[in-house]
């Protein structure tokens, strides 16, 4: 007969269940091979950035999957957002582009450069560019050009609003955003496009009553591409009324 008591068996069983639970709730596996130049950046990203950002290559899921349920610290999803080395370094050194949520210099020196190089290489992996007509014809030019599908700018603008973390600072009911740092955007859609554009690329030109200058840095608008900026304006003019 075994001398192990039932109570001892129960403790061992609970310990095993606990170990499985911890493993299931842990961080996903890094997808960059160890020993490669980018692996160090992936490890640093997972350690310092995974709590607020998503990037499958680094095994992180810190972004909100639903903007209406987003927390204040949920940052951009880098699976669907491309970034350059220079922009990443700027964001690391200045606490993101708003400077309101992300701490400055979360990594520094050589480590910051490793993270920037890693993110510049792997961010935007889920962004897909439609094939050109010649590519769809196997390299041969089509006899008649295929017209590009008409893009819904407002639909693209909804994605731009989410991926750039606008809801972290502003209220917008249509997006389920409840940010309290900057002015509400719920009525901005009735403003002319030129005025909305100015408020994004030069936010200190006209200050809403009750808010101070410098809350939104002018570099934030410069970080959005012209196409995405047009889409964001179209989205706000459509839903923010």
C-alpha atoms as a PDB file:
ATOM      1  CA  UNK A   1       0.000   0.000   0.000  1.00  0.00           C
ATOM      2  CA  UNK A   2       1.201   3.550  -0.766  1.00  0.00           C
ATOM      3  CA  UNK A   3       2.005   5.725   2.207  1.00  0.00           C
ATOM      4  CA  UNK A   4       0.918   8.941   0.419  1.00  0.00           C
ATOM      5  CA  UNK A   5      -2.095  10.430   2.155  1.00  0.00           C
ATOM      6  CA  UNK A   6      -5.188  11.729   0.276  1.00  0.00           C
ATOM      7  CA  UNK A   7      -4.448  15.256   1.478  1.00  0.00           C
ATOM      8  CA  UNK A   8      -0.951  15.073  -0.022  1.00  0.00           C
ATOM      9  CA  UNK A   9      -2.364  13.869  -3.351  1.00  0.00           C
ATOM     10  CA  UNK A  10      -4.813  16.788  -3.369  1.00  0.00           C
ATOM     11  CA  UNK A  11      -1.997  19.299  -2.827  1.00  0.00           C
ATOM     12  CA  UNK A  12       0.023  17.783  -5.677  1.00  0.00           C
ATOM     13  CA  UNK A  13      -3.003  17.837  -7.996  1.00  0.00           C
ATOM     14  CA  UNK A  14      -3.760  21.481  -7.190  1.00  0.00           C
ATOM     15  CA  UNK A  15      -0.127  22.410  -7.811  1.00  0.00           C
ATOM     16  CA  UNK A  16      -0.291  20.770 -11.244  1.00  0.00           C
ATOM     17  CA  UNK A  17      -3.494  22.626 -12.145  1.00  0.00           C
ATOM     18  CA  UNK A  18      -1.942  25.878 -10.953  1.00  0.00           C
ATOM     19  CA  UNK A  19       1.121  25.317 -13.145  1.00  0.00           C
ATOM     20  CA  UNK A  20      -1.088  24.768 -16.207  1.00  0.00           C
ATOM     21  CA  UNK A  21      -3.061  27.918 -15.457  1.00  0.00           C
ATOM     22  CA  UNK A  22       0.074  30.029 -15.132  1.00  0.00           C
ATOM     23  CA  UNK A  23       1.395  28.648 -18.414  1.00  0.00           C
ATOM     24  CA  UNK A  24      -1.898  29.374 -20.193  1.00  0.00           C
ATOM     25  CA  UNK A  25      -1.935  32.984 -18.973  1.00  0.00           C
ATOM     26  CA  UNK A  26       1.701  33.628 -19.873  1.00  0.00           C
ATOM     27  CA  UNK A  27       3.134  35.546 -22.781  1.00  0.00           C
ATOM     28  CA  UNK A  28       3.048  33.884 -26.186  1.00  0.00           C
ATOM     29  CA  UNK A  29       6.239  32.661 -27.771  1.00  0.00           C
ATOM     30  CA  UNK A  30       8.555  35.048 -29.604  1.00  0.00           C
ATOM     31  CA  UNK A  31       8.642  34.185 -33.303  1.00  0.00           C
ATOM     32  CA  UNK A  32      12.144  35.513 -34.015  1.00  0.00           C
ATOM     33  CA  UNK A  33      14.878  32.876 -33.910  1.00  0.00           C
ATOM     34  CA  UNK A  34      17.301  33.220 -31.022  1.00  0.00           C
ATOM     35  CA  UNK A  35      20.813  34.171 -32.040  1.00  0.00           C
ATOM     36  CA  UNK A  36      19.582  36.460 -34.832  1.00  0.00           C
ATOM     37  CA  UNK A  37      20.192  40.250 -34.664  1.00  0.00           C
ATOM     38  CA  UNK A  38      16.477  40.982 -34.155  1.00  0.00           C
ATOM     39  CA  UNK A  39      15.883  38.510 -31.317  1.00  0.00           C
ATOM     40  CA  UNK A  40      17.215  40.908 -28.681  1.00  0.00           C
ATOM     41  CA  UNK A  41      14.772  43.585 -29.819  1.00  0.00           C
ATOM     42  CA  UNK A  42      11.910  41.072 -29.709  1.00  0.00           C
ATOM     43  CA  UNK A  43      12.775  40.098 -26.138  1.00  0.00           C
ATOM     44  CA  UNK A  44      12.969  43.746 -25.026  1.00  0.00           C
ATOM     45  CA  UNK A  45       9.652  44.528 -26.745  1.00  0.00           C
ATOM     46  CA  UNK A  46       7.989  41.587 -25.001  1.00  0.00           C
ATOM     47  CA  UNK A  47       9.416  42.625 -21.612  1.00  0.00           C
ATOM     48  CA  UNK A  48       8.744  46.383 -21.802  1.00  0.00           C
ATOM     49  CA  UNK A  49       5.982  46.922 -24.381  1.00  0.00           C
ATOM     50  CA  UNK A  50       3.734  43.828 -24.459  1.00  0.00           C
ATOM     51  CA  UNK A  51       1.472  45.116 -21.692  1.00  0.00           C
ATOM     52  CA  UNK A  52       0.167  47.926 -23.912  1.00  0.00           C
ATOM     53  CA  UNK A  53       0.856  46.865 -27.527  1.00  0.00           C
ATOM     54  CA  UNK A  54       0.165  43.881 -29.754  1.00  0.00           C
ATOM     55  CA  UNK A  55       2.718  42.310 -32.092  1.00  0.00           C
ATOM     56  CA  UNK A  56       2.509  38.623 -32.966  1.00  0.00           C
ATOM     57  CA  UNK A  57       6.232  38.394 -33.747  1.00  0.00           C
ATOM     58  CA  UNK A  58       6.992  39.341 -30.138  1.00  0.00           C
ATOM     59  CA  UNK A  59       4.155  37.216 -28.730  1.00  0.00           C
ATOM     60  CA  UNK A  60       2.344  40.238 -27.281  1.00  0.00           C
ATOM     61  CA  UNK A  61      -1.364  41.113 -27.148  1.00  0.00           C
ATOM     62  CA  UNK A  62      -1.607  44.355 -25.206  1.00  0.00           C
ATOM     63  CA  UNK A  63      -3.849  46.343 -27.577  1.00  0.00           C
ATOM     64  CA  UNK A  64      -7.613  46.474 -27.211  1.00  0.00           C
ATOM     65  CA  UNK A  65      -9.453  44.209 -29.649  1.00  0.00           C
ATOM     66  CA  UNK A  66     -12.605  46.299 -29.181  1.00  0.00           C
ATOM     67  CA  UNK A  67     -12.258  50.102 -28.934  1.00  0.00           C
ATOM     68  CA  UNK A  68     -15.418  50.347 -26.805  1.00  0.00           C
ATOM     69  CA  UNK A  69     -13.734  48.213 -24.139  1.00  0.00           C
ATOM     70  CA  UNK A  70     -10.279  49.774 -24.405  1.00  0.00           C
ATOM     71  CA  UNK A  71      -8.377  50.688 -21.272  1.00  0.00           C
ATOM     72  CA  UNK A  72      -6.374  53.897 -20.979  1.00  0.00           C
ATOM     73  CA  UNK A  73      -3.081  52.048 -21.432  1.00  0.00           C
ATOM     74  CA  UNK A  74      -4.103  50.070 -24.555  1.00  0.00           C
ATOM     75  CA  UNK A  75      -1.720  51.238 -27.264  1.00  0.00           C
ATOM     76  CA  UNK A  76      -1.587  50.743 -31.048  1.00  0.00           C
ATOM     77  CA  UNK A  77      -1.695  47.267 -32.570  1.00  0.00           C
ATOM     78  CA  UNK A  78       1.583  46.953 -34.468  1.00  0.00           C
ATOM     79  CA  UNK A  79       0.349  43.957 -36.436  1.00  0.00           C
ATOM     80  CA  UNK A  80      -1.666  46.407 -38.545  1.00  0.00           C
ATOM     81  CA  UNK A  81       0.476  49.525 -38.194  1.00  0.00           C
ATOM     82  CA  UNK A  82       3.780  50.032 -40.001  1.00  0.00           C
ATOM     83  CA  UNK A  83       6.494  52.045 -38.271  1.00  0.00           C
ATOM     84  CA  UNK A  84       9.870  53.497 -39.229  1.00  0.00           C
ATOM     85  CA  UNK A  85      13.043  53.294 -37.161  1.00  0.00           C
ATOM     86  CA  UNK A  86      13.052  57.074 -36.587  1.00  0.00           C
ATOM     87  CA  UNK A  87       9.397  57.210 -35.483  1.00  0.00           C
ATOM     88  CA  UNK A  88       9.884  54.378 -33.005  1.00  0.00           C
ATOM     89  CA  UNK A  89      12.924  56.068 -31.450  1.00  0.00           C
ATOM     90  CA  UNK A  90      10.961  59.323 -31.175  1.00  0.00           C
ATOM     91  CA  UNK A  91       8.052  57.537 -29.461  1.00  0.00           C
ATOM     92  CA  UNK A  92      10.377  55.758 -27.013  1.00  0.00           C
ATOM     93  CA  UNK A  93      12.200  58.960 -26.066  1.00  0.00           C
ATOM     94  CA  UNK A  94       9.088  61.147 -25.805  1.00  0.00           C
ATOM     95  CA  UNK A  95       6.497  58.800 -24.325  1.00  0.00           C
ATOM     96  CA  UNK A  96       4.633  57.982 -27.550  1.00  0.00           C
ATOM     97  CA  UNK A  97       3.287  60.786 -29.713  1.00  0.00           C
ATOM     98  CA  UNK A  98       0.925  62.284 -27.131  1.00  0.00           C
ATOM     99  CA  UNK A  99       3.325  62.091 -24.181  1.00  0.00           C
ATOM    100  CA  UNK A 100       0.363  61.473 -21.893  1.00  0.00           C
ATOM    101  CA  UNK A 101       0.250  57.720 -21.239  1.00  0.00           C
ATOM    102  CA  UNK A 102       3.439  55.926 -22.285  1.00  0.00           C
ATOM    103  CA  UNK A 103       6.425  56.631 -19.999  1.00  0.00           C
ATOM    104  CA  UNK A 104       9.407  58.324 -21.618  1.00  0.00           C
ATOM    105  CA  UNK A 105      12.584  56.300 -22.211  1.00  0.00           C
ATOM    106  CA  UNK A 106      11.025  52.950 -21.330  1.00  0.00           C
ATOM    107  CA  UNK A 107      14.222  51.619 -22.898  1.00  0.00           C
ATOM    108  CA  UNK A 108      17.363  53.671 -23.505  1.00  0.00           C
ATOM    109  CA  UNK A 109      20.628  53.686 -25.422  1.00  0.00           C
ATOM    110  CA  UNK A 110      21.498  50.541 -27.334  1.00  0.00           C
ATOM    111  CA  UNK A 111      18.346  48.791 -26.087  1.00  0.00           C
ATOM    112  CA  UNK A 112      16.145  51.544 -27.540  1.00  0.00           C
ATOM    113  CA  UNK A 113      17.895  51.129 -30.899  1.00  0.00           C
ATOM    114  CA  UNK A 114      17.334  47.367 -30.781  1.00  0.00           C
ATOM    115  CA  UNK A 115      13.602  47.820 -30.164  1.00  0.00           C
ATOM    116  CA  UNK A 116      13.359  50.454 -32.914  1.00  0.00           C
ATOM    117  CA  UNK A 117      15.115  48.231 -35.450  1.00  0.00           C
ATOM    118  CA  UNK A 118      12.974  45.240 -34.499  1.00  0.00           C
ATOM    119  CA  UNK A 119       9.698  47.156 -34.709  1.00  0.00           C
ATOM    120  CA  UNK A 120      10.634  48.856 -37.990  1.00  0.00           C
ATOM    121  CA  UNK A 121      11.240  45.402 -39.513  1.00  0.00           C
ATOM    122  CA  UNK A 122       8.232  43.486 -38.204  1.00  0.00           C
ATOM    123  CA  UNK A 123       5.448  46.041 -37.594  1.00  0.00           C
ATOM    124  CA  UNK A 124       2.624  46.004 -40.124  1.00  0.00           C
ATOM    125  CA  UNK A 125       2.905  42.311 -40.984  1.00  0.00           C
ATOM    126  CA  UNK A 126      -0.885  42.083 -41.401  1.00  0.00           C
ATOM    127  CA  UNK A 127      -1.096  45.098 -43.712  1.00  0.00           C
ATOM    128  CA  UNK A 128      -1.828  43.829 -47.217  1.00  0.00           C
ATOM    129  CA  UNK A 129      -1.259  45.718 -50.476  1.00  0.00           C
ATOM    130  CA  UNK A 130      -3.674  44.652 -53.233  1.00  0.00           C
ATOM    131  CA  UNK A 131      -2.023  43.065 -56.271  1.00  0.00           C
ATOM    132  CA  UNK A 132      -1.669  45.246 -59.355  1.00  0.00           C
ATOM    133  CA  UNK A 133      -3.514  44.282 -62.575  1.00  0.00           C
ATOM    134  CA  UNK A 134      -0.238  43.105 -64.144  1.00  0.00           C
ATOM    135  CA  UNK A 135       0.485  40.901 -61.118  1.00  0.00           C
ATOM    136  CA  UNK A 136      -2.978  39.375 -61.325  1.00  0.00           C
ATOM    137  CA  UNK A 137      -2.339  38.624 -65.021  1.00  0.00           C
ATOM    138  CA  UNK A 138       0.842  36.709 -64.165  1.00  0.00           C
ATOM    139  CA  UNK A 139       3.161  39.569 -65.101  1.00  0.00           C
ATOM    140  CA  UNK A 140       1.630  40.308 -68.475  1.00  0.00           C
ATOM    141  CA  UNK A 141      -0.015  43.676 -68.969  1.00  0.00           C
ATOM    142  CA  UNK A 142      -3.787  43.430 -69.096  1.00  0.00           C
ATOM    143  CA  UNK A 143      -5.432  44.357 -72.369  1.00  0.00           C
ATOM    144  CA  UNK A 144      -7.664  46.754 -70.498  1.00  0.00           C
ATOM    145  CA  UNK A 145      -6.679  48.222 -67.109  1.00  0.00           C
ATOM    146  CA  UNK A 146      -8.809  46.990 -64.265  1.00  0.00           C
ATOM    147  CA  UNK A 147     -10.240  49.997 -62.389  1.00  0.00           C
ATOM    148  CA  UNK A 148      -9.234  50.150 -58.761  1.00  0.00           C
ATOM    149  CA  UNK A 149     -12.100  49.568 -56.363  1.00  0.00           C
ATOM    150  CA  UNK A 150     -13.471  52.735 -54.839  1.00  0.00           C
ATOM    151  CA  UNK A 151     -12.210  52.988 -51.293  1.00  0.00           C
ATOM    152  CA  UNK A 152     -14.463  53.994 -48.426  1.00  0.00           C
ATOM    153  CA  UNK A 153     -12.363  56.737 -46.822  1.00  0.00           C
ATOM    154  CA  UNK A 154     -14.566  56.920 -43.747  1.00  0.00           C
ATOM    155  CA  UNK A 155     -14.180  53.164 -43.117  1.00  0.00           C
ATOM    156  CA  UNK A 156     -10.400  53.502 -43.420  1.00  0.00           C
ATOM    157  CA  UNK A 157     -10.553  56.522 -41.110  1.00  0.00           C
ATOM    158  CA  UNK A 158     -12.162  54.413 -38.381  1.00  0.00           C
ATOM    159  CA  UNK A 159      -9.107  52.164 -38.470  1.00  0.00           C
ATOM    160  CA  UNK A 160      -6.773  55.188 -38.431  1.00  0.00           C
ATOM    161  CA  UNK A 161      -8.595  56.560 -35.367  1.00  0.00           C
ATOM    162  CA  UNK A 162      -8.164  53.259 -33.529  1.00  0.00           C
ATOM    163  CA  UNK A 163      -4.607  52.407 -34.592  1.00  0.00           C
ATOM    164  CA  UNK A 164      -3.300  55.860 -33.636  1.00  0.00           C
ATOM    165  CA  UNK A 165      -4.804  55.667 -30.157  1.00  0.00           C
ATOM    166  CA  UNK A 166      -7.022  58.766 -30.586  1.00  0.00           C
ATOM    167  CA  UNK A 167      -9.610  57.298 -28.225  1.00  0.00           C
ATOM    168  CA  UNK A 168      -7.087  57.307 -25.400  1.00  0.00           C
ATOM    169  CA  UNK A 169      -7.277  61.107 -25.216  1.00  0.00           C
ATOM    170  CA  UNK A 170     -10.626  62.048 -26.822  1.00  0.00           C
ATOM    171  CA  UNK A 171     -14.268  61.154 -26.500  1.00  0.00           C
ATOM    172  CA  UNK A 172     -16.021  59.901 -29.651  1.00  0.00           C
ATOM    173  CA  UNK A 173     -19.289  58.077 -29.093  1.00  0.00           C
ATOM    174  CA  UNK A 174     -19.305  56.487 -32.560  1.00  0.00           C
ATOM    175  CA  UNK A 175     -16.008  54.750 -31.749  1.00  0.00           C
ATOM    176  CA  UNK A 176     -16.900  53.943 -28.132  1.00  0.00           C
ATOM    177  CA  UNK A 177     -14.006  56.165 -27.036  1.00  0.00           C
ATOM    178  CA  UNK A 178     -14.072  57.910 -23.641  1.00  0.00           C
ATOM    179  CA  UNK A 179     -10.722  59.688 -23.379  1.00  0.00           C
ATOM    180  CA  UNK A 180     -10.603  62.593 -20.948  1.00  0.00           C
ATOM    181  CA  UNK A 181      -7.243  64.201 -21.746  1.00  0.00           C
ATOM    182  CA  UNK A 182      -8.260  66.250 -24.797  1.00  0.00           C
ATOM    183  CA  UNK A 183     -11.500  67.865 -26.001  1.00  0.00           C
ATOM    184  CA  UNK A 184     -14.508  65.778 -27.009  1.00  0.00           C
ATOM    185  CA  UNK A 185     -14.738  65.053 -30.760  1.00  0.00           C
ATOM    186  CA  UNK A 186     -18.463  64.297 -30.760  1.00  0.00           C
ATOM    187  CA  UNK A 187     -19.398  67.506 -32.627  1.00  0.00           C
ATOM    188  CA  UNK A 188     -16.246  68.145 -34.630  1.00  0.00           C
ATOM    189  CA  UNK A 189     -17.732  66.567 -37.771  1.00  0.00           C
ATOM    190  CA  UNK A 190     -19.719  69.716 -38.526  1.00  0.00           C
ATOM    191  CA  UNK A 191     -16.482  71.726 -38.870  1.00  0.00           C
ATOM    192  CA  UNK A 192     -14.948  72.250 -42.336  1.00  0.00           C
ATOM    193  CA  UNK A 193     -12.353  69.689 -43.375  1.00  0.00           C
ATOM    194  CA  UNK A 194      -9.638  72.366 -43.399  1.00  0.00           C
ATOM    195  CA  UNK A 195     -10.366  73.246 -39.769  1.00  0.00           C
ATOM    196  CA  UNK A 196     -10.265  69.591 -38.668  1.00  0.00           C
ATOM    197  CA  UNK A 197      -7.009  69.121 -40.547  1.00  0.00           C
ATOM    198  CA  UNK A 198      -5.480  72.144 -38.794  1.00  0.00           C
ATOM    199  CA  UNK A 199      -6.552  70.847 -35.383  1.00  0.00           C
ATOM    200  CA  UNK A 200      -4.645  67.616 -36.085  1.00  0.00           C
ATOM    201  CA  UNK A 201      -1.439  68.887 -37.717  1.00  0.00           C
ATOM    202  CA  UNK A 202      -1.243  72.159 -35.754  1.00  0.00           C
ATOM    203  CA  UNK A 203      -3.225  71.520 -32.558  1.00  0.00           C
ATOM    204  CA  UNK A 204      -1.925  74.626 -30.797  1.00  0.00           C
ATOM    205  CA  UNK A 205      -3.256  77.039 -33.447  1.00  0.00           C
ATOM    206  CA  UNK A 206      -6.725  77.131 -31.882  1.00  0.00           C
ATOM    207  CA  UNK A 207      -7.159  75.949 -28.296  1.00  0.00           C
ATOM    208  CA  UNK A 208     -10.538  74.753 -27.012  1.00  0.00           C
ATOM    209  CA  UNK A 209     -11.663  76.629 -23.909  1.00  0.00           C
ATOM    210  CA  UNK A 210     -10.616  74.852 -20.743  1.00  0.00           C
ATOM    211  CA  UNK A 211      -7.561  73.189 -22.270  1.00  0.00           C
ATOM    212  CA  UNK A 212      -3.929  74.285 -22.227  1.00  0.00           C
ATOM    213  CA  UNK A 213      -1.451  74.424 -25.096  1.00  0.00           C
ATOM    214  CA  UNK A 214       0.878  71.495 -25.611  1.00  0.00           C
ATOM    215  CA  UNK A 215      -1.482  68.698 -24.553  1.00  0.00           C
ATOM    216  CA  UNK A 216      -1.351  67.334 -28.097  1.00  0.00           C
ATOM    217  CA  UNK A 217       2.134  67.754 -29.640  1.00  0.00           C
ATOM    218  CA  UNK A 218       2.357  69.080 -33.224  1.00  0.00           C
ATOM    219  CA  UNK A 219       4.478  66.073 -34.161  1.00  0.00           C
ATOM    220  CA  UNK A 220       1.462  63.795 -33.697  1.00  0.00           C
ATOM    221  CA  UNK A 221      -0.251  64.978 -36.885  1.00  0.00           C
ATOM    222  CA  UNK A 222       3.010  64.696 -38.794  1.00  0.00           C
ATOM    223  CA  UNK A 223       3.177  61.018 -37.864  1.00  0.00           C
ATOM    224  CA  UNK A 224       0.012  60.265 -39.870  1.00  0.00           C
ATOM    225  CA  UNK A 225       0.396  59.805 -43.627  1.00  0.00           C
ATOM    226  CA  UNK A 226      -1.517  62.217 -45.941  1.00  0.00           C
ATOM    227  CA  UNK A 227      -3.796  59.386 -47.087  1.00  0.00           C
ATOM    228  CA  UNK A 228      -4.601  58.318 -43.525  1.00  0.00           C
ATOM    229  CA  UNK A 229      -5.138  61.946 -42.524  1.00  0.00           C
ATOM    230  CA  UNK A 230      -7.717  62.395 -45.324  1.00  0.00           C
ATOM    231  CA  UNK A 231      -9.414  59.190 -44.209  1.00  0.00           C
ATOM    232  CA  UNK A 232      -9.499  60.277 -40.558  1.00  0.00           C
ATOM    233  CA  UNK A 233     -11.078  63.614 -41.504  1.00  0.00           C
ATOM    234  CA  UNK A 234     -13.684  61.861 -43.662  1.00  0.00           C
ATOM    235  CA  UNK A 235     -14.498  59.536 -40.779  1.00  0.00           C
ATOM    236  CA  UNK A 236     -14.905  62.372 -38.274  1.00  0.00           C
ATOM    237  CA  UNK A 237     -17.094  64.365 -40.680  1.00  0.00           C
ATOM    238  CA  UNK A 238     -19.303  61.326 -41.113  1.00  0.00           C
ATOM    239  CA  UNK A 239     -19.775  60.164 -37.516  1.00  0.00           C
ATOM    240  CA  UNK A 240     -18.922  63.101 -35.240  1.00  0.00           C
ATOM    241  CA  UNK A 241     -22.160  65.092 -35.499  1.00  0.00           C
END
